[in-house]
Amino acid sequence: MRLLAATVVSLLLASPALAGSGNVLTIAADPSAANRIDALLTGDDNRLTLSQTRISSEGEANTINVRVNGHRNGTGRGQATLIADLPWGTLTQSGNSNVMDVSITGSDNLLAAVQRGSSNVMKTSISGDANWAAISQTGQNNLASFSQTGNGNMIAITQRSW
């Protein structure tokens, strides 16, 4: 088993670690913000794209914590998404003080999430195989917290507030 660990500091603090083979973790850094991404992918062929943009220097930074243990999690490999224009394998935040906390254990799970605005929180726990989850939160102070346990579960959440 190979282990690749890297730390990137450029007003973005990221500490990704990849263990296994064929894992792809793409981090799009916002050079103007102090956002934080912590990611650990263990297994084979997991694929995630993480990005954050802070829209105001006066607000708090955004945080993404991702832990994946299994195989082929993240992208849909041709599967249609549950929410339009939200591709599988992407976790995106735009705004201030947004938090994503994601834990996936199992294989062939699809996940996509976007939070736009401020003080939105998403807490996700997926345990099993072939589960689908898509979350879109826009506005302020939205909270999406869910757990999928077992195989073949699907959830789509869209929330808007102002």
N, C-alpha and C. Protein backbone atom coordinates (compact mmCIF):
# COMPACT_ATOMS: atom_id res chain seq x y z
N MET A 1 0.85 -1.18 0.00
CA MET A 1 0.00 0.00 0.00
C MET A 1 0.90 1.23 0.00
N ARG A 2 0.60 2.18 -0.89
CA ARG A 2 1.35 3.43 -0.96
C ARG A 2 0.65 4.48 -0.13
N LEU A 3 1.43 5.37 0.43
CA LEU A 3 0.86 6.48 1.18
C LEU A 3 1.46 7.76 0.65
N LEU A 4 0.62 8.69 0.28
CA LEU A 4 1.05 10.00 -0.18
C LEU A 4 0.44 11.02 0.75
N ALA A 5 1.27 11.82 1.34
CA ALA A 5 0.75 12.87 2.23
C ALA A 5 1.37 14.19 1.79
N ALA A 6 0.57 15.22 1.82
CA ALA A 6 1.06 16.54 1.43
C ALA A 6 0.37 17.59 2.25
N THR A 7 1.08 18.65 2.50
CA THR A 7 0.48 19.80 3.17
C THR A 7 0.69 21.01 2.28
N VAL A 8 -0.37 21.74 2.02
CA VAL A 8 -0.30 22.92 1.19
C VAL A 8 -0.71 24.11 2.05
N VAL A 9 0.15 25.12 2.10
CA VAL A 9 -0.21 26.33 2.83
C VAL A 9 -0.02 27.51 1.89
N SER A 10 -1.12 28.15 1.55
CA SER A 10 -1.11 29.32 0.69
C SER A 10 -2.38 30.10 1.01
N LEU A 11 -2.49 30.49 2.24
CA LEU A 11 -3.71 31.07 2.77
C LEU A 11 -4.85 30.05 2.74
N LEU A 12 -4.58 28.89 2.17
CA LEU A 12 -5.47 27.74 2.27
C LEU A 12 -4.65 26.70 3.00
N LEU A 13 -5.20 26.13 4.03
CA LEU A 13 -4.50 25.08 4.73
C LEU A 13 -5.16 23.78 4.36
N ALA A 14 -4.42 22.91 3.73
CA ALA A 14 -4.97 21.61 3.35
C ALA A 14 -4.01 20.54 3.79
N SER A 15 -4.51 19.48 4.33
CA SER A 15 -3.64 18.35 4.64
C SER A 15 -4.30 17.08 4.12
N PRO A 16 -4.11 16.82 2.83
CA PRO A 16 -4.68 15.63 2.25
C PRO A 16 -3.76 14.42 2.41
N ALA A 17 -4.34 13.26 2.50
CA ALA A 17 -3.58 12.01 2.52
C ALA A 17 -4.33 11.01 1.65
N LEU A 18 -3.58 10.29 0.83
CA LEU A 18 -4.15 9.28 -0.05
C LEU A 18 -3.45 7.97 0.23
N ALA A 19 -4.20 6.92 0.52
CA ALA A 19 -3.63 5.60 0.72
C ALA A 19 -4.39 4.63 -0.18
N GLY A 20 -3.66 3.80 -0.91
CA GLY A 20 -4.29 2.88 -1.84
C GLY A 20 -3.81 3.20 -3.24
N SER A 21 -4.57 2.80 -4.24
CA SER A 21 -4.16 3.09 -5.60
C SER A 21 -5.32 3.68 -6.38
N GLY A 22 -4.99 4.54 -7.31
CA GLY A 22 -5.98 5.14 -8.18
C GLY A 22 -6.85 6.20 -7.55
N ASN A 23 -6.53 6.63 -6.33
CA ASN A 23 -7.31 7.69 -5.69
C ASN A 23 -6.94 9.03 -6.29
N VAL A 24 -7.94 9.88 -6.52
CA VAL A 24 -7.71 11.21 -7.06
C VAL A 24 -8.42 12.22 -6.17
N LEU A 25 -7.66 13.13 -5.62
CA LEU A 25 -8.20 14.20 -4.79
C LEU A 25 -7.75 15.51 -5.41
N THR A 26 -8.70 16.28 -5.92
CA THR A 26 -8.40 17.57 -6.53
C THR A 26 -8.86 18.65 -5.58
N ILE A 27 -7.94 19.56 -5.24
CA ILE A 27 -8.26 20.66 -4.34
C ILE A 27 -8.05 21.96 -5.09
N ALA A 28 -9.12 22.73 -5.25
CA ALA A 28 -9.04 24.03 -5.90
C ALA A 28 -8.92 25.08 -4.80
N ALA A 29 -7.75 25.64 -4.66
CA ALA A 29 -7.49 26.60 -3.59
C ALA A 29 -7.91 28.01 -3.99
N ASP A 30 -8.47 28.71 -3.04
CA ASP A 30 -8.77 30.14 -3.19
C ASP A 30 -7.60 30.89 -2.56
N PRO A 31 -6.73 31.50 -3.35
CA PRO A 31 -5.52 32.12 -2.81
C PRO A 31 -5.80 33.33 -1.92
N SER A 32 -7.03 33.82 -1.90
CA SER A 32 -7.33 35.01 -1.12
C SER A 32 -7.96 34.68 0.23
N ALA A 33 -8.03 33.40 0.59
CA ALA A 33 -8.77 33.05 1.80
C ALA A 33 -8.01 32.06 2.67
N ALA A 34 -8.38 32.00 3.92
CA ALA A 34 -7.78 31.10 4.89
C ALA A 34 -8.68 29.89 5.12
N ASN A 35 -9.24 29.35 4.07
CA ASN A 35 -10.12 28.19 4.19
C ASN A 35 -9.30 26.97 4.58
N ARG A 36 -10.00 25.95 5.13
CA ARG A 36 -9.31 24.74 5.58
C ARG A 36 -9.96 23.51 4.96
N ILE A 37 -9.11 22.62 4.45
CA ILE A 37 -9.56 21.33 3.94
C ILE A 37 -8.68 20.26 4.56
N ASP A 38 -9.32 19.27 5.20
CA ASP A 38 -8.65 18.08 5.70
C ASP A 38 -9.28 16.89 5.01
N ALA A 39 -8.46 16.06 4.36
CA ALA A 39 -9.00 14.93 3.62
C ALA A 39 -8.13 13.70 3.81
N LEU A 40 -8.78 12.55 3.95
CA LEU A 40 -8.11 11.27 4.03
C LEU A 40 -8.88 10.28 3.17
N LEU A 41 -8.25 9.76 2.13
CA LEU A 41 -8.86 8.77 1.26
C LEU A 41 -8.08 7.48 1.40
N THR A 42 -8.74 6.40 1.81
CA THR A 42 -8.13 5.09 1.97
C THR A 42 -8.91 4.11 1.13
N GLY A 43 -8.23 3.32 0.33
CA GLY A 43 -8.88 2.37 -0.56
C GLY A 43 -8.42 2.62 -1.98
N ASP A 44 -9.21 2.21 -2.94
CA ASP A 44 -8.81 2.33 -4.33
C ASP A 44 -9.87 3.06 -5.15
N ASP A 45 -9.40 3.86 -6.10
CA ASP A 45 -10.24 4.52 -7.10
C ASP A 45 -11.31 5.45 -6.53
N ASN A 46 -11.02 6.10 -5.43
CA ASN A 46 -11.90 7.14 -4.89
C ASN A 46 -11.56 8.44 -5.59
N ARG A 47 -12.59 9.26 -5.91
CA ARG A 47 -12.35 10.49 -6.66
C ARG A 47 -13.21 11.61 -6.10
N LEU A 48 -12.56 12.66 -5.63
CA LEU A 48 -13.26 13.83 -5.09
C LEU A 48 -12.61 15.11 -5.59
N THR A 49 -13.42 16.13 -5.80
CA THR A 49 -12.94 17.46 -6.12
C THR A 49 -13.48 18.40 -5.06
N LEU A 50 -12.59 19.05 -4.33
CA LEU A 50 -12.96 19.94 -3.23
C LEU A 50 -12.58 21.37 -3.58
N SER A 51 -13.50 22.31 -3.37
CA SER A 51 -13.17 23.71 -3.62
C SER A 51 -13.92 24.60 -2.65
N GLN A 52 -13.29 25.72 -2.31
CA GLN A 52 -13.89 26.69 -1.40
C GLN A 52 -13.49 28.10 -1.85
N THR A 53 -14.44 29.01 -1.75
CA THR A 53 -14.18 30.41 -2.04
C THR A 53 -14.77 31.23 -0.91
N ARG A 54 -13.97 32.06 -0.32
CA ARG A 54 -14.44 32.95 0.75
C ARG A 54 -14.82 34.27 0.11
N ILE A 55 -16.06 34.75 0.36
CA ILE A 55 -16.53 35.93 -0.35
C ILE A 55 -16.30 37.23 0.41
N SER A 56 -15.94 37.15 1.68
CA SER A 56 -15.69 38.36 2.44
C SER A 56 -14.55 38.12 3.40
N SER A 57 -13.58 39.01 3.40
CA SER A 57 -12.45 38.86 4.32
C SER A 57 -12.85 39.12 5.76
N GLU A 58 -14.03 39.68 5.96
CA GLU A 58 -14.50 39.95 7.32
C GLU A 58 -15.15 38.72 7.96
N GLY A 59 -15.59 37.77 7.16
CA GLY A 59 -16.23 36.57 7.69
C GLY A 59 -15.21 35.48 7.99
N GLU A 60 -15.67 34.47 8.72
CA GLU A 60 -14.82 33.33 9.05
C GLU A 60 -14.57 32.48 7.81
N ALA A 61 -13.48 31.72 7.85
CA ALA A 61 -13.12 30.83 6.76
C ALA A 61 -14.06 29.63 6.70
N ASN A 62 -14.05 28.94 5.57
CA ASN A 62 -14.83 27.73 5.37
C ASN A 62 -13.97 26.52 5.74
N THR A 63 -14.64 25.40 6.10
CA THR A 63 -13.93 24.19 6.48
C THR A 63 -14.58 22.98 5.83
N ILE A 64 -13.74 22.10 5.26
CA ILE A 64 -14.20 20.79 4.77
C ILE A 64 -13.34 19.73 5.44
N ASN A 65 -14.00 18.76 6.08
CA ASN A 65 -13.35 17.57 6.64
C ASN A 65 -13.93 16.36 5.93
N VAL A 66 -13.08 15.56 5.28
CA VAL A 66 -13.54 14.39 4.52
C VAL A 66 -12.71 13.18 4.91
N ARG A 67 -13.40 12.09 5.24
CA ARG A 67 -12.76 10.81 5.52
C ARG A 67 -13.47 9.76 4.68
N VAL A 68 -12.71 9.09 3.79
CA VAL A 68 -13.27 8.06 2.91
C VAL A 68 -12.45 6.79 3.11
N ASN A 69 -13.15 5.68 3.37
CA ASN A 69 -12.50 4.38 3.51
C ASN A 69 -13.30 3.38 2.70
N GLY A 70 -12.76 2.97 1.57
CA GLY A 70 -13.45 2.03 0.69
C GLY A 70 -12.97 2.20 -0.73
N HIS A 71 -13.77 1.78 -1.66
CA HIS A 71 -13.37 1.76 -3.06
C HIS A 71 -14.42 2.43 -3.94
N ARG A 72 -13.94 3.18 -4.95
CA ARG A 72 -14.77 3.79 -5.99
C ARG A 72 -15.85 4.72 -5.43
N ASN A 73 -15.52 5.47 -4.41
CA ASN A 73 -16.45 6.44 -3.84
C ASN A 73 -16.24 7.80 -4.47
N GLY A 74 -17.28 8.61 -4.48
CA GLY A 74 -17.18 9.99 -4.98
C GLY A 74 -17.89 10.18 -6.29
N THR A 75 -17.20 9.94 -7.39
CA THR A 75 -17.77 10.25 -8.70
C THR A 75 -18.75 9.21 -9.19
N GLY A 76 -19.57 9.61 -10.15
CA GLY A 76 -20.65 8.76 -10.62
C GLY A 76 -20.33 7.88 -11.80
N ARG A 77 -19.19 8.09 -12.42
CA ARG A 77 -18.82 7.28 -13.56
C ARG A 77 -19.99 7.10 -14.54
N GLY A 78 -20.59 8.24 -14.91
CA GLY A 78 -21.67 8.21 -15.89
C GLY A 78 -23.07 8.22 -15.30
N GLN A 79 -23.20 8.12 -13.99
CA GLN A 79 -24.52 8.15 -13.36
C GLN A 79 -25.07 9.58 -13.36
N ALA A 80 -26.36 9.72 -13.63
CA ALA A 80 -27.00 11.04 -13.58
C ALA A 80 -27.02 11.54 -12.13
N THR A 81 -26.85 12.83 -11.94
CA THR A 81 -26.88 13.39 -10.59
C THR A 81 -28.31 13.55 -10.09
N LEU A 82 -28.46 13.63 -8.79
CA LEU A 82 -29.78 13.80 -8.18
C LEU A 82 -30.22 15.26 -8.20
N ILE A 83 -29.27 16.18 -8.25
CA ILE A 83 -29.57 17.63 -8.31
C ILE A 83 -28.87 18.18 -9.54
N ALA A 84 -29.61 18.86 -10.41
CA ALA A 84 -29.06 19.39 -11.66
C ALA A 84 -27.84 20.26 -11.41
N ASP A 85 -26.87 20.17 -12.27
CA ASP A 85 -25.64 20.96 -12.24
C ASP A 85 -24.81 20.75 -10.98
N LEU A 86 -24.96 19.60 -10.34
CA LEU A 86 -24.15 19.25 -9.17
C LEU A 86 -23.50 17.89 -9.45
N PRO A 87 -22.32 17.92 -10.08
CA PRO A 87 -21.69 16.66 -10.50
C PRO A 87 -21.22 15.82 -9.31
N TRP A 88 -21.35 14.52 -9.46
CA TRP A 88 -20.88 13.60 -8.44
C TRP A 88 -19.41 13.81 -8.14
N GLY A 89 -19.05 13.67 -6.90
CA GLY A 89 -17.66 13.78 -6.49
C GLY A 89 -17.20 15.19 -6.17
N THR A 90 -18.08 16.19 -6.29
CA THR A 90 -17.69 17.56 -6.00
C THR A 90 -18.26 18.01 -4.65
N LEU A 91 -17.41 18.63 -3.87
CA LEU A 91 -17.80 19.28 -2.62
C LEU A 91 -17.32 20.72 -2.72
N THR A 92 -18.27 21.66 -2.77
CA THR A 92 -17.95 23.06 -3.04
C THR A 92 -18.60 23.96 -2.01
N GLN A 93 -17.86 24.96 -1.56
CA GLN A 93 -18.41 25.97 -0.66
C GLN A 93 -18.01 27.35 -1.16
N SER A 94 -18.98 28.26 -1.14
CA SER A 94 -18.74 29.64 -1.53
C SER A 94 -19.42 30.52 -0.50
N GLY A 95 -18.65 31.33 0.17
CA GLY A 95 -19.20 32.19 1.21
C GLY A 95 -18.29 32.20 2.41
N ASN A 96 -18.88 32.38 3.59
CA ASN A 96 -18.11 32.43 4.82
C ASN A 96 -18.70 31.50 5.87
N SER A 97 -17.84 30.97 6.71
CA SER A 97 -18.24 30.18 7.88
C SER A 97 -19.05 28.94 7.54
N ASN A 98 -18.85 28.38 6.36
CA ASN A 98 -19.52 27.14 5.99
C ASN A 98 -18.68 25.95 6.44
N VAL A 99 -19.35 24.86 6.83
CA VAL A 99 -18.66 23.66 7.31
C VAL A 99 -19.26 22.43 6.64
N MET A 100 -18.39 21.56 6.13
CA MET A 100 -18.79 20.24 5.65
C MET A 100 -17.98 19.22 6.41
N ASP A 101 -18.66 18.23 6.98
CA ASP A 101 -18.02 17.14 7.69
C ASP A 101 -18.56 15.85 7.10
N VAL A 102 -17.70 15.11 6.38
CA VAL A 102 -18.13 13.95 5.60
C VAL A 102 -17.34 12.72 6.00
N SER A 103 -18.06 11.62 6.26
CA SER A 103 -17.44 10.34 6.54
C SER A 103 -18.11 9.28 5.67
N ILE A 104 -17.30 8.57 4.87
CA ILE A 104 -17.82 7.52 4.00
C ILE A 104 -17.03 6.24 4.27
N THR A 105 -17.75 5.16 4.56
CA THR A 105 -17.15 3.85 4.72
C THR A 105 -17.93 2.88 3.85
N GLY A 106 -17.25 2.26 2.91
CA GLY A 106 -17.91 1.34 2.00
C GLY A 106 -17.43 1.57 0.59
N SER A 107 -18.16 1.07 -0.38
CA SER A 107 -17.73 1.16 -1.77
C SER A 107 -18.87 1.61 -2.68
N ASP A 108 -18.48 2.25 -3.78
CA ASP A 108 -19.40 2.67 -4.84
C ASP A 108 -20.46 3.66 -4.37
N ASN A 109 -20.12 4.48 -3.38
CA ASN A 109 -21.03 5.53 -2.89
C ASN A 109 -20.82 6.80 -3.69
N LEU A 110 -21.90 7.49 -4.05
CA LEU A 110 -21.84 8.73 -4.81
C LEU A 110 -22.20 9.88 -3.88
N LEU A 111 -21.44 10.97 -3.97
CA LEU A 111 -21.70 12.13 -3.13
C LEU A 111 -21.41 13.40 -3.91
N ALA A 112 -22.28 14.39 -3.73
CA ALA A 112 -22.06 15.73 -4.28
C ALA A 112 -22.69 16.71 -3.32
N ALA A 113 -22.04 17.86 -3.10
CA ALA A 113 -22.60 18.87 -2.20
C ALA A 113 -22.09 20.25 -2.56
N VAL A 114 -22.98 21.24 -2.37
CA VAL A 114 -22.58 22.63 -2.55
C VAL A 114 -23.27 23.46 -1.48
N GLN A 115 -22.52 24.39 -0.91
CA GLN A 115 -23.07 25.34 0.06
C GLN A 115 -22.67 26.74 -0.41
N ARG A 116 -23.68 27.60 -0.58
CA ARG A 116 -23.44 28.97 -1.00
C ARG A 116 -24.07 29.90 0.02
N GLY A 117 -23.32 30.86 0.52
CA GLY A 117 -23.84 31.77 1.53
C GLY A 117 -22.96 31.73 2.76
N SER A 118 -23.57 31.81 3.93
CA SER A 118 -22.76 31.83 5.15
C SER A 118 -23.38 30.99 6.26
N SER A 119 -22.52 30.45 7.07
CA SER A 119 -22.89 29.68 8.25
C SER A 119 -23.78 28.48 7.94
N ASN A 120 -23.55 27.85 6.80
CA ASN A 120 -24.24 26.61 6.47
C ASN A 120 -23.41 25.44 6.98
N VAL A 121 -24.10 24.39 7.43
CA VAL A 121 -23.41 23.22 7.98
C VAL A 121 -23.99 21.97 7.35
N MET A 122 -23.10 21.06 6.92
CA MET A 122 -23.51 19.77 6.42
C MET A 122 -22.70 18.70 7.14
N LYS A 123 -23.40 17.75 7.77
CA LYS A 123 -22.76 16.62 8.44
C LYS A 123 -23.31 15.35 7.81
N THR A 124 -22.42 14.55 7.24
CA THR A 124 -22.81 13.38 6.48
C THR A 124 -22.05 12.16 6.94
N SER A 125 -22.77 11.08 7.17
CA SER A 125 -22.15 9.79 7.47
C SER A 125 -22.79 8.75 6.57
N ILE A 126 -21.97 8.13 5.73
CA ILE A 126 -22.45 7.09 4.81
C ILE A 126 -21.67 5.82 5.12
N SER A 127 -22.41 4.75 5.39
CA SER A 127 -21.80 3.47 5.72
C SER A 127 -22.54 2.38 4.94
N GLY A 128 -21.85 1.76 4.01
CA GLY A 128 -22.46 0.73 3.18
C GLY A 128 -22.00 0.88 1.75
N ASP A 129 -22.74 0.32 0.83
CA ASP A 129 -22.35 0.31 -0.57
C ASP A 129 -23.47 0.87 -1.45
N ALA A 130 -23.07 1.53 -2.54
CA ALA A 130 -23.98 2.00 -3.60
C ALA A 130 -25.04 2.97 -3.08
N ASN A 131 -24.67 3.82 -2.14
CA ASN A 131 -25.57 4.87 -1.66
C ASN A 131 -25.34 6.14 -2.46
N TRP A 132 -26.39 6.96 -2.63
CA TRP A 132 -26.31 8.21 -3.36
C TRP A 132 -26.75 9.34 -2.44
N ALA A 133 -26.00 10.45 -2.43
CA ALA A 133 -26.38 11.62 -1.64
C ALA A 133 -25.98 12.89 -2.37
N ALA A 134 -26.91 13.85 -2.47
CA ALA A 134 -26.65 15.14 -3.08
C ALA A 134 -27.29 16.22 -2.22
N ILE A 135 -26.52 17.25 -1.89
CA ILE A 135 -26.99 18.31 -0.99
C ILE A 135 -26.67 19.66 -1.61
N SER A 136 -27.66 20.56 -1.61
CA SER A 136 -27.45 21.92 -2.06
C SER A 136 -28.08 22.85 -1.03
N GLN A 137 -27.28 23.74 -0.46
CA GLN A 137 -27.77 24.70 0.53
C GLN A 137 -27.36 26.10 0.09
N THR A 138 -28.33 27.01 0.05
CA THR A 138 -28.08 28.38 -0.37
C THR A 138 -28.68 29.32 0.67
N GLY A 139 -27.93 30.34 1.02
CA GLY A 139 -28.40 31.32 1.98
C GLY A 139 -27.60 31.26 3.26
N GLN A 140 -28.29 31.40 4.39
CA GLN A 140 -27.60 31.46 5.67
C GLN A 140 -28.21 30.48 6.67
N ASN A 141 -27.32 29.94 7.51
CA ASN A 141 -27.71 29.13 8.66
C ASN A 141 -28.52 27.88 8.32
N ASN A 142 -28.28 27.29 7.16
CA ASN A 142 -28.91 26.02 6.82
C ASN A 142 -28.13 24.89 7.50
N LEU A 143 -28.83 23.85 7.90
CA LEU A 143 -28.20 22.67 8.50
C LEU A 143 -28.76 21.43 7.83
N ALA A 144 -27.88 20.61 7.27
CA ALA A 144 -28.26 19.31 6.73
C ALA A 144 -27.40 18.28 7.43
N SER A 145 -28.04 17.37 8.15
CA SER A 145 -27.33 16.32 8.87
C SER A 145 -28.05 15.01 8.59
N PHE A 146 -27.32 14.03 8.04
CA PHE A 146 -27.96 12.76 7.75
C PHE A 146 -26.96 11.63 7.80
N SER A 147 -27.52 10.44 7.94
CA SER A 147 -26.74 9.21 7.97
C SER A 147 -27.40 8.20 7.05
N GLN A 148 -26.61 7.57 6.22
CA GLN A 148 -27.08 6.47 5.38
C GLN A 148 -26.36 5.21 5.84
N THR A 149 -27.13 4.21 6.21
CA THR A 149 -26.55 2.94 6.64
C THR A 149 -27.19 1.83 5.82
N GLY A 150 -26.37 0.98 5.23
CA GLY A 150 -26.89 -0.10 4.40
C GLY A 150 -26.50 0.12 2.95
N ASN A 151 -27.25 -0.45 2.06
CA ASN A 151 -26.91 -0.42 0.64
C ASN A 151 -28.04 0.15 -0.19
N GLY A 152 -27.69 0.95 -1.21
CA GLY A 152 -28.66 1.44 -2.18
C GLY A 152 -29.58 2.54 -1.70
N ASN A 153 -29.18 3.28 -0.67
CA ASN A 153 -29.98 4.40 -0.19
C ASN A 153 -29.76 5.63 -1.07
N MET A 154 -30.78 6.48 -1.20
CA MET A 154 -30.67 7.73 -1.96
C MET A 154 -31.26 8.87 -1.15
N ILE A 155 -30.58 10.03 -1.19
CA ILE A 155 -31.12 11.23 -0.56
C ILE A 155 -30.68 12.44 -1.38
N ALA A 156 -31.61 13.37 -1.56
CA ALA A 156 -31.31 14.65 -2.19
C ALA A 156 -31.93 15.73 -1.30
N ILE A 157 -31.13 16.71 -0.92
CA ILE A 157 -31.59 17.80 -0.06
C ILE A 157 -31.29 19.11 -0.74
N THR A 158 -32.30 19.97 -0.87
CA THR A 158 -32.12 21.33 -1.35
C THR A 158 -32.75 22.27 -0.33
N GLN A 159 -31.97 23.23 0.16
CA GLN A 159 -32.48 24.21 1.13
C GLN A 159 -32.07 25.61 0.69
N ARG A 160 -32.98 26.55 0.87
CA ARG A 160 -32.70 27.97 0.57
C ARG A 160 -33.24 28.81 1.71
N SER A 161 -32.44 29.75 2.17
CA SER A 161 -32.88 30.69 3.19
C SER A 161 -32.16 32.01 2.98
N TRP A 162 -32.70 33.09 3.53
CA TRP A 162 -32.06 34.40 3.41
C TRP A 162 -32.19 35.14 4.65
